[in-house]
């Protein structure tokens, strides 16, 4: 058996996929053509001959006939409860129909449970086996939609305990208002509450990882704190309470530092370059405190990062942080962005983040549809728009990186790379089967490739009708 897939176990497999490219999604770009699964784990990855001894009378063998196997997709910024309540209505992209869905969408526990289960089934059809629900908590108990209230966490716990989750869930607590201001004292009290709330669930299925903080809003509404003036001469600002802008900035820094001291992951909605700089300064100062953990051990990340500079992306890499963004939003709103900041602005530095190894792709569904194929295609289009080389070797290398940014790299952001994110022996058997090898069609052709099969914990949870 191959080095990437040799298993110490000699037991029979419950499921074998063979006869097509198995894209391991490790840094080296390793490939195999068979994978064997048992007990929710990958037994072996290698050739058809390698897995043959693991096939028993009860083994289900699926002939791929050239179809491709990837690790299960990780959508690391997706509002699953909101998505389940709204679908098929999205705000941008091909599923947007202009219909406005307003008011309370999930007003009680039963509705929240139904929304999560509906989203889970939908996401399985897209090959998504892991997700991050970024912002659930008491700050939204009276929120407009009901999809972000603290009770949602209770429902996730119930579903995890009952074995009914269709994705592995990482969750960030929210102690402010969605897209609204937060107060330092409320957030720090919430951090203490969040630490006490950790545990109680199998972390491979539900992990309360940390806290989400809204640093600012978005450039399109001229509310991202930007060093470059908008077309009306303003620079935006912060979504943190304080009598002055500097007082707000210091409150944001202290929120980040408090999360770091508590050994929580901190995800900050930060789109303006000035906001991003505040966040990076805060992480750097937190890491310098005596006895503090390294940021890499906590998985802090910038969410969206629209106006991040190349220098800030380099600093994100140096600090051991991640850059989590949604290229579908960039492609959809580029002209709008140019209208408010000027045609010469260079937002969303995806090429730089990809080269630095810190790019994590996500959908922000239901802002966009939860279709990772479209996300990868949009990222490639944006990078090519910036002048990246189009030769086949360069395009293939980028595609490998972009696919990793939806599989292996978000597993690192989740601090779970030792047990998920690649197709390797010993890791969880979360897989997706595509009708074609993505490298045969390229990033631009990926949205047209059907998802044939999704495997979660060794079980087939979606199978496309032929």
Protein backbone atom coordinates (compact mmCIF):
# COMPACT_ATOMS: atom_id res chain seq x y z
CA UNK A 1 0.00 0.00 0.00
CA UNK A 2 1.10 3.56 -0.56
CA UNK A 3 2.75 5.71 2.06
CA UNK A 4 -0.23 8.05 2.15
CA UNK A 5 -2.65 5.26 2.84
CA UNK A 6 -1.08 2.24 4.46
CA UNK A 7 -3.26 1.04 7.32
CA UNK A 8 -2.14 -1.05 10.26
CA UNK A 9 -5.54 -2.73 10.32
CA UNK A 10 -6.30 -5.93 8.40
CA UNK A 11 -10.05 -5.83 8.91
CA UNK A 12 -12.42 -5.87 5.97
CA UNK A 13 -13.65 -2.59 4.56
CA UNK A 14 -17.27 -1.61 4.69
CA UNK A 15 -16.93 0.61 1.62
CA UNK A 16 -14.40 0.69 -1.22
CA UNK A 17 -14.22 3.31 -3.96
CA UNK A 18 -11.93 2.32 -6.83
CA UNK A 19 -11.17 2.95 -10.44
CA UNK A 20 -10.80 6.73 -10.51
CA UNK A 21 -8.48 9.45 -9.30
CA UNK A 22 -8.38 9.80 -5.52
CA UNK A 23 -7.19 13.35 -4.88
CA UNK A 24 -5.58 13.22 -1.45
CA UNK A 25 -5.36 17.04 -1.15
CA UNK A 26 -2.08 16.95 0.73
CA UNK A 27 0.47 19.65 -0.02
CA UNK A 28 2.31 17.38 -2.45
CA UNK A 29 -0.74 16.80 -4.64
CA UNK A 30 -0.68 13.03 -4.12
CA UNK A 31 -3.05 10.79 -6.08
CA UNK A 32 -4.26 7.25 -5.76
CA UNK A 33 -7.01 5.24 -7.45
CA UNK A 34 -8.71 3.42 -4.58
CA UNK A 35 -9.79 4.11 -1.01
CA UNK A 36 -11.12 1.69 1.60
CA UNK A 37 -13.28 2.66 4.57
CA UNK A 38 -14.44 0.99 7.80
CA UNK A 39 -15.70 2.17 11.17
CA UNK A 40 -16.03 5.74 9.96
CA UNK A 41 -12.30 5.91 9.19
CA UNK A 42 -10.17 5.53 6.09
CA UNK A 43 -8.43 2.16 6.17
CA UNK A 44 -6.25 2.49 3.11
CA UNK A 45 -5.52 4.66 0.12
CA UNK A 46 -3.63 3.25 -2.83
CA UNK A 47 -4.14 1.09 -5.91
CA UNK A 48 -6.88 -1.39 -6.69
CA UNK A 49 -4.48 -4.17 -5.76
CA UNK A 50 -3.69 -2.46 -2.46
CA UNK A 51 -7.30 -2.47 -1.28
CA UNK A 52 -8.25 -5.89 -2.73
CA UNK A 53 -7.36 -7.78 0.48
CA UNK A 54 -9.72 -5.51 2.41
CA UNK A 55 -12.76 -6.43 0.32
CA UNK A 56 -15.01 -8.96 2.03
CA UNK A 57 -18.41 -10.42 1.36
CA UNK A 58 -20.17 -7.50 3.05
CA UNK A 59 -18.05 -4.75 1.49
CA UNK A 60 -19.88 -2.33 -0.75
CA UNK A 61 -17.63 -1.72 -3.76
CA UNK A 62 -18.30 1.35 -5.89
CA UNK A 63 -16.60 1.44 -9.28
CA UNK A 64 -15.72 5.03 -10.01
CA UNK A 65 -15.23 4.53 -13.77
CA UNK A 66 -12.94 7.56 -13.87
CA UNK A 67 -14.90 9.69 -11.42
CA UNK A 68 -12.84 11.60 -8.85
CA UNK A 69 -12.74 11.33 -5.06
CA UNK A 70 -11.92 14.35 -2.89
CA UNK A 71 -12.02 14.90 0.87
CA UNK A 72 -15.40 16.09 2.07
CA UNK A 73 -15.82 19.82 1.52
CA UNK A 74 -15.49 22.16 4.50
CA UNK A 75 -17.53 25.36 4.20
CA UNK A 76 -15.89 27.29 7.01
CA UNK A 77 -18.22 30.31 7.04
CA UNK A 78 -21.82 29.30 6.48
CA UNK A 79 -24.97 30.26 8.40
CA UNK A 80 -26.64 26.86 8.32
CA UNK A 81 -29.74 27.68 10.36
CA UNK A 82 -30.39 30.81 8.31
CA UNK A 83 -29.71 28.89 5.09
CA UNK A 84 -32.12 26.13 6.02
CA UNK A 85 -34.84 28.67 6.80
CA UNK A 86 -34.33 30.70 3.60
CA UNK A 87 -33.36 28.23 0.89
CA UNK A 88 -33.60 28.53 -2.11
CA UNK A 89 -33.53 32.29 -1.57
CA UNK A 90 -30.02 33.78 -1.48
CA UNK A 91 -28.92 37.38 -1.55
CA UNK A 92 -26.43 37.11 -4.43
CA UNK A 93 -25.64 34.62 -7.13
CA UNK A 94 -27.58 32.30 -9.35
CA UNK A 95 -30.12 31.33 -6.67
CA UNK A 96 -31.15 34.89 -5.86
CA UNK A 97 -34.63 35.60 -7.17
CA UNK A 98 -35.23 39.08 -5.77
CA UNK A 99 -37.76 37.80 -3.25
CA UNK A 100 -37.43 39.41 0.15
CA UNK A 101 -37.78 37.00 3.05
CA UNK A 102 -38.37 39.16 6.08
CA UNK A 103 -39.37 38.72 9.70
CA UNK A 104 -38.92 35.79 12.04
CA UNK A 105 -37.89 32.65 10.16
CA UNK A 106 -37.22 30.36 13.12
CA UNK A 107 -39.29 31.50 16.05
CA UNK A 108 -39.05 28.45 18.27
CA UNK A 109 -36.95 25.39 18.98
CA UNK A 110 -38.84 23.17 16.55
CA UNK A 111 -38.37 25.62 13.69
CA UNK A 112 -34.65 25.94 14.45
CA UNK A 113 -34.26 22.19 14.50
CA UNK A 114 -36.10 21.85 11.19
CA UNK A 115 -33.94 24.56 9.59
CA UNK A 116 -30.68 22.89 10.66
CA UNK A 117 -31.85 19.49 9.42
CA UNK A 118 -33.00 20.98 6.11
CA UNK A 119 -29.68 22.71 5.65
CA UNK A 120 -27.86 19.50 6.47
CA UNK A 121 -29.64 17.57 3.74
CA UNK A 122 -29.02 20.36 1.24
CA UNK A 123 -25.33 20.63 2.10
CA UNK A 124 -24.87 16.87 1.72
CA UNK A 125 -26.03 17.24 -1.88
CA UNK A 126 -23.18 19.74 -2.39
CA UNK A 127 -20.58 17.38 -0.93
CA UNK A 128 -20.17 19.45 2.25
CA UNK A 129 -19.26 17.38 5.30
CA UNK A 130 -17.95 20.11 7.65
CA UNK A 131 -19.09 23.66 8.32
CA UNK A 132 -18.58 26.58 10.65
CA UNK A 133 -21.68 28.29 12.01
CA UNK A 134 -20.11 31.72 12.64
CA UNK A 135 -22.04 33.58 15.28
CA UNK A 136 -24.68 32.06 17.56
CA UNK A 137 -25.50 33.53 20.94
CA UNK A 138 -27.63 35.53 23.32
CA UNK A 139 -26.90 38.81 21.56
CA UNK A 140 -29.31 37.59 18.89
CA UNK A 141 -32.04 36.20 21.19
CA UNK A 142 -34.28 39.03 20.01
CA UNK A 143 -32.82 39.11 16.52
CA UNK A 144 -34.99 39.69 13.49
CA UNK A 145 -34.73 36.23 11.92
CA UNK A 146 -34.41 34.03 15.01
CA UNK A 147 -31.67 32.05 13.23
CA UNK A 148 -28.78 33.16 15.43
CA UNK A 149 -30.30 32.98 18.93
CA UNK A 150 -28.56 31.22 21.79
CA UNK A 151 -31.10 28.40 21.66
CA UNK A 152 -29.65 27.36 18.28
CA UNK A 153 -26.61 26.07 20.16
CA UNK A 154 -28.88 23.95 22.36
CA UNK A 155 -30.44 22.46 19.24
CA UNK A 156 -27.03 21.67 17.77
CA UNK A 157 -26.12 19.91 21.02
CA UNK A 158 -29.31 17.82 20.87
CA UNK A 159 -28.71 16.84 17.25
CA UNK A 160 -25.07 15.96 17.94
CA UNK A 161 -26.07 13.81 20.92
CA UNK A 162 -28.72 12.04 18.82
CA UNK A 163 -26.31 11.45 15.92
CA UNK A 164 -28.51 13.45 13.57
CA UNK A 165 -26.02 16.04 12.31
CA UNK A 166 -25.29 15.78 8.60
CA UNK A 167 -22.09 17.83 8.90
CA UNK A 168 -19.34 18.20 11.46
CA UNK A 169 -19.99 21.60 13.05
CA UNK A 170 -17.60 24.20 14.40
CA UNK A 171 -19.44 27.03 16.14
CA UNK A 172 -18.46 30.56 17.13
CA UNK A 173 -20.35 32.31 19.92
CA UNK A 174 -21.77 35.79 19.35
CA UNK A 175 -22.08 38.28 22.20
CA UNK A 176 -23.27 41.25 20.25
CA UNK A 177 -25.72 41.98 17.47
CA UNK A 178 -25.35 40.40 14.05
CA UNK A 179 -23.95 43.13 11.79
CA UNK A 180 -24.29 45.48 14.76
CA UNK A 181 -22.29 47.06 17.55
CA UNK A 182 -20.84 45.26 20.53
CA UNK A 183 -19.70 46.37 23.99
CA UNK A 184 -16.42 45.36 25.56
CA UNK A 185 -17.95 44.38 28.90
CA UNK A 186 -20.62 42.23 27.24
CA UNK A 187 -18.11 40.47 25.01
CA UNK A 188 -15.65 39.77 27.82
CA UNK A 189 -18.46 38.40 29.99
CA UNK A 190 -19.51 36.27 27.02
CA UNK A 191 -15.99 34.91 26.67
CA UNK A 192 -16.16 33.64 30.25
CA UNK A 193 -19.56 32.10 29.53
CA UNK A 194 -18.24 30.49 26.35
CA UNK A 195 -15.31 28.88 28.13
CA UNK A 196 -17.75 27.33 30.61
CA UNK A 197 -19.96 26.12 27.73
CA UNK A 198 -17.20 24.18 25.99
CA UNK A 199 -17.20 20.41 26.08
CA UNK A 200 -20.14 18.08 26.50
CA UNK A 201 -20.20 17.03 22.83
CA UNK A 202 -17.95 14.84 20.71
CA UNK A 203 -15.57 17.47 19.23
CA UNK A 204 -15.48 15.57 15.95
CA UNK A 205 -19.17 16.44 15.54
CA UNK A 206 -19.74 19.67 17.46
CA UNK A 207 -17.07 21.98 18.78
CA UNK A 208 -17.64 25.38 20.32
CA UNK A 209 -14.37 26.80 19.07
CA UNK A 210 -14.46 30.43 20.04
CA UNK A 211 -16.00 33.80 19.45
CA UNK A 212 -17.04 35.96 16.53
CA UNK A 213 -16.58 39.71 16.74
CA UNK A 214 -17.92 42.29 14.29
CA UNK A 215 -15.10 44.77 13.76
CA UNK A 216 -16.81 46.72 11.01
CA UNK A 217 -19.30 46.27 8.18
CA UNK A 218 -18.59 46.26 4.45
CA UNK A 219 -17.08 48.71 1.95
CA UNK A 220 -20.18 48.53 -0.25
CA UNK A 221 -22.15 50.35 2.46
CA UNK A 222 -19.15 52.61 3.17
CA UNK A 223 -18.98 51.21 6.70
CA UNK A 224 -15.64 49.41 6.53
CA UNK A 225 -12.88 51.38 8.24
CA UNK A 226 -10.69 52.23 5.28
CA UNK A 227 -7.52 54.30 4.90
CA UNK A 228 -8.76 55.15 1.42
CA UNK A 229 -11.71 57.57 1.33
CA UNK A 230 -15.01 56.55 -0.19
CA UNK A 231 -16.57 58.59 -2.97
CA UNK A 232 -18.26 60.82 -0.38
CA UNK A 233 -14.99 61.55 1.43
CA UNK A 234 -15.73 59.36 4.47
CA UNK A 235 -13.59 56.51 5.77
CA UNK A 236 -16.14 54.32 7.55
CA UNK A 237 -15.65 53.20 11.14
CA UNK A 238 -15.87 50.41 13.70
CA UNK A 239 -18.82 48.43 15.07
CA UNK A 240 -17.67 48.72 18.65
CA UNK A 241 -19.07 51.07 21.26
CA UNK A 242 -16.77 53.89 22.41
CA UNK A 243 -16.74 57.66 22.70
CA UNK A 244 -13.97 58.10 20.13
CA UNK A 245 -12.68 56.05 17.22
CA UNK A 246 -9.48 55.31 19.13
CA UNK A 247 -11.51 54.20 22.14
CA UNK A 248 -13.46 51.88 19.85
CA UNK A 249 -10.22 50.52 18.39
CA UNK A 250 -8.81 49.85 21.86
CA UNK A 251 -12.04 48.07 22.84
CA UNK A 252 -11.74 45.87 19.77
CA UNK A 253 -8.12 45.10 20.59
CA UNK A 254 -9.09 44.11 24.13
CA UNK A 255 -11.89 41.84 22.88
CA UNK A 256 -9.36 39.99 20.71
CA UNK A 257 -6.82 39.82 23.52
CA UNK A 258 -9.46 38.54 25.96
CA UNK A 259 -10.41 35.75 23.56
CA UNK A 260 -6.77 34.82 23.12
CA UNK A 261 -6.13 34.77 26.87
CA UNK A 262 -9.09 32.40 27.25
CA UNK A 263 -7.53 30.12 24.58
CA UNK A 264 -10.52 30.61 22.29
CA UNK A 265 -10.44 30.93 18.54
CA UNK A 266 -11.30 34.47 17.50
CA UNK A 267 -12.92 35.19 14.12
CA UNK A 268 -13.25 38.88 13.37
CA UNK A 269 -15.53 40.29 10.68
CA UNK A 270 -12.99 42.81 9.40
CA UNK A 271 -13.22 44.24 5.89
CA UNK A 272 -11.47 47.61 6.04
CA UNK A 273 -7.68 47.72 6.05
CA UNK A 274 -7.65 49.88 9.20
CA UNK A 275 -9.87 47.39 11.01
CA UNK A 276 -7.69 44.51 9.89
CA UNK A 277 -4.60 46.33 11.19
CA UNK A 278 -6.25 46.72 14.61
CA UNK A 279 -6.99 42.99 14.69
CA UNK A 280 -3.44 42.02 13.71
CA UNK A 281 -1.97 44.36 16.29
CA UNK A 282 -4.24 42.84 18.92
CA UNK A 283 -3.22 39.28 18.08
CA UNK A 284 0.46 40.23 18.08
CA UNK A 285 0.19 41.93 21.47
CA UNK A 286 -1.83 39.03 22.92
CA UNK A 287 0.80 36.56 21.77
CA UNK A 288 3.50 38.62 23.51
CA UNK A 289 1.82 38.36 26.91
CA UNK A 290 3.69 36.06 29.35
CA UNK A 291 2.55 32.46 29.06
CA UNK A 292 0.24 33.19 26.13
CA UNK A 293 -0.37 30.49 23.51
CA UNK A 294 0.84 30.97 19.97
CA UNK A 295 -1.92 32.26 17.65
CA UNK A 296 -1.35 29.26 15.39
CA UNK A 297 -2.55 27.00 18.21
CA UNK A 298 -5.88 28.85 18.43
CA UNK A 299 -6.68 29.38 14.73
CA UNK A 300 -7.64 33.07 14.77
CA UNK A 301 -8.82 34.44 11.45
CA UNK A 302 -9.91 37.49 9.55
CA UNK A 303 -13.39 37.09 8.06
CA UNK A 304 -13.96 38.58 4.58
CA UNK A 305 -10.86 40.84 4.52
CA UNK A 306 -12.09 42.83 1.52
CA UNK A 307 -9.53 45.65 1.71
CA UNK A 308 -6.62 43.72 3.19
CA UNK A 309 -3.27 44.78 1.77
CA UNK A 310 -0.62 42.32 0.58
CA UNK A 311 1.48 43.38 3.56
CA UNK A 312 -1.36 42.50 5.92
CA UNK A 313 -1.77 39.08 4.30
CA UNK A 314 1.94 38.48 4.85
CA UNK A 315 1.49 39.47 8.46
CA UNK A 316 -1.49 37.11 8.81
CA UNK A 317 0.81 34.31 7.68
CA UNK A 318 3.58 35.38 10.05
CA UNK A 319 1.16 35.42 12.99
CA UNK A 320 -0.18 31.96 12.17
CA UNK A 321 -3.67 33.24 11.34
CA UNK A 322 -6.05 32.56 8.44
CA UNK A 323 -7.73 34.68 5.76
CA UNK A 324 -11.31 33.42 5.32
CA UNK A 325 -13.14 34.92 2.37
CA UNK A 326 -15.81 34.40 -0.29
CA UNK A 327 -14.70 34.99 -3.90
CA UNK A 328 -18.27 34.77 -5.13
CA UNK A 329 -18.96 38.04 -3.34
CA UNK A 330 -15.89 39.62 -4.94
CA UNK A 331 -16.91 38.66 -8.46
CA UNK A 332 -20.53 39.67 -7.90
CA UNK A 333 -19.84 43.07 -6.32
CA UNK A 334 -16.61 44.18 -8.02
CA UNK A 335 -18.20 46.97 -10.05
CA UNK A 336 -20.08 48.20 -6.99
CA UNK A 337 -16.83 48.24 -5.03
CA UNK A 338 -15.13 50.26 -7.77
CA UNK A 339 -17.99 52.73 -7.67
CA UNK A 340 -17.52 53.54 -3.98
CA UNK A 341 -13.72 53.34 -3.77
CA UNK A 342 -12.47 53.98 -7.31
CA UNK A 343 -11.60 51.79 -10.27
CA UNK A 344 -7.94 51.54 -9.25
CA UNK A 345 -8.67 49.89 -5.90
CA UNK A 346 -7.32 46.32 -5.57
CA UNK A 347 -9.53 44.52 -3.03
CA UNK A 348 -9.62 40.82 -2.08
CA UNK A 349 -5.95 39.76 -2.40
CA UNK A 350 -6.70 36.11 -3.10
CA UNK A 351 -3.56 35.43 -5.12
CA UNK A 352 -1.36 36.73 -2.31
CA UNK A 353 -3.29 34.77 0.32
CA UNK A 354 -3.14 31.58 -1.78
CA UNK A 355 0.62 31.93 -2.25
CA UNK A 356 1.03 32.58 1.48
CA UNK A 357 -0.89 29.40 2.32
CA UNK A 358 -3.50 31.22 4.44
CA UNK A 359 -6.47 31.38 2.06
CA UNK A 360 -9.59 29.64 3.36
CA UNK A 361 -12.57 29.61 1.01
CA UNK A 362 -16.20 29.70 2.12
CA UNK A 363 -19.64 30.69 0.82
CA UNK A 364 -21.24 32.84 3.55
CA UNK A 365 -24.50 31.11 2.57
CA UNK A 366 -27.24 32.23 2.30
CA UNK A 367 -25.52 35.40 1.08
CA UNK A 368 -24.41 33.10 -1.74
CA UNK A 369 -25.44 29.55 -2.54
CA UNK A 370 -23.34 26.95 -0.69
CA UNK A 371 -21.76 25.72 -3.90
CA UNK A 372 -18.00 25.31 -3.44
CA UNK A 373 -17.56 24.61 -7.15
CA UNK A 374 -18.72 28.13 -7.92
CA UNK A 375 -16.49 29.48 -5.14
CA UNK A 376 -13.40 27.85 -6.63
CA UNK A 377 -14.29 29.10 -10.11
CA UNK A 378 -14.84 32.62 -8.79
CA UNK A 379 -11.49 32.58 -6.98
CA UNK A 380 -9.71 31.53 -10.16
CA UNK A 381 -11.51 34.20 -12.17
CA UNK A 382 -10.53 36.87 -9.65
CA UNK A 383 -6.91 35.74 -9.55
CA UNK A 384 -6.73 35.65 -13.36
CA UNK A 385 -8.28 39.11 -13.48
CA UNK A 386 -5.26 40.27 -11.47
CA UNK A 387 -2.87 39.06 -14.15
CA UNK A 388 -1.95 35.57 -12.95
CA UNK A 389 -0.43 33.31 -15.63
CA UNK A 390 -2.84 31.22 -17.65
CA UNK A 391 -0.48 28.40 -18.73
CA UNK A 392 -1.70 24.89 -17.88
CA UNK A 393 0.92 24.20 -15.22
CA UNK A 394 0.18 27.43 -13.34
CA UNK A 395 -3.58 26.91 -13.64
CA UNK A 396 -3.30 23.34 -12.30
CA UNK A 397 -1.16 24.47 -9.36
CA UNK A 398 -3.72 27.16 -8.51
CA UNK A 399 -6.58 24.69 -8.75
CA UNK A 400 -4.80 22.38 -6.35
CA UNK A 401 -4.36 25.26 -3.92
CA UNK A 402 -7.96 26.39 -4.26
CA UNK A 403 -9.31 22.88 -3.69
CA UNK A 404 -7.11 22.62 -0.59
CA UNK A 405 -8.57 25.96 0.54
CA UNK A 406 -11.95 24.21 0.77
CA UNK A 407 -10.67 20.96 2.33
CA UNK A 408 -7.26 20.64 3.98
CA UNK A 409 -6.70 24.29 4.91
CA UNK A 410 -10.04 24.87 6.66
CA UNK A 411 -9.31 21.68 8.61
CA UNK A 412 -6.20 23.48 9.83
CA UNK A 413 -8.33 26.53 10.70
CA UNK A 414 -10.59 24.14 12.65
CA UNK A 415 -7.51 22.78 14.42
CA UNK A 416 -8.55 19.35 13.16
CA UNK A 417 -6.00 18.65 10.43
CA UNK A 418 -4.80 15.55 12.26
CA UNK A 419 -8.13 13.80 11.71
CA UNK A 420 -9.88 15.39 8.70
CA UNK A 421 -9.30 17.43 5.53
CA UNK A 422 -7.30 14.95 3.41
CA UNK A 423 -7.85 11.42 2.11
CA UNK A 424 -5.35 9.56 4.28
CA UNK A 425 -5.47 6.40 6.33
CA UNK A 426 -6.67 6.97 9.88
CA UNK A 427 -8.63 10.12 9.09
CA UNK A 428 -12.41 10.31 9.11
CA UNK A 429 -14.08 8.86 6.05
CA UNK A 430 -15.63 12.10 4.77
CA UNK A 431 -15.50 12.03 0.98
CA UNK A 432 -17.13 13.50 -2.11
CA UNK A 433 -17.24 11.87 -5.53
CA UNK A 434 -17.31 14.11 -8.60
CA UNK A 435 -18.51 13.00 -12.01
CA UNK A 436 -15.17 14.16 -13.51
CA UNK A 437 -11.64 14.85 -12.44
CA UNK A 438 -11.57 18.61 -11.67
CA UNK A 439 -8.11 18.86 -13.22
CA UNK A 440 -9.57 17.66 -16.52
CA UNK A 441 -12.03 20.56 -16.68
CA UNK A 442 -10.15 23.27 -14.77
CA UNK A 443 -11.52 25.72 -12.24
CA UNK A 444 -13.77 27.45 -14.78
CA UNK A 445 -15.39 24.15 -15.72
CA UNK A 446 -15.85 22.92 -12.16
CA UNK A 447 -19.39 24.33 -11.64
CA UNK A 448 -20.58 22.05 -14.45
CA UNK A 449 -19.25 18.89 -12.80
CA UNK A 450 -21.95 16.94 -10.98
CA UNK A 451 -21.59 15.78 -7.39
CA UNK A 452 -22.34 12.06 -7.54
CA UNK A 453 -21.81 10.89 -3.98
CA UNK A 454 -21.17 12.22 -0.48
CA UNK A 455 -19.77 10.03 2.28
CA UNK A 456 -19.88 11.19 5.91
CA UNK A 457 -18.23 9.12 8.63
CA UNK A 458 -18.11 6.20 6.20
CA UNK A 459 -21.83 6.37 5.38
CA UNK A 460 -23.25 7.38 2.02
CA UNK A 461 -25.48 10.35 2.84
CA UNK A 462 -26.09 11.54 -0.71
CA UNK A 463 -26.16 9.70 -4.01
CA UNK A 464 -27.15 11.41 -7.22
CA UNK A 465 -29.77 9.68 -9.31
CA UNK A 466 -28.32 8.66 -12.66
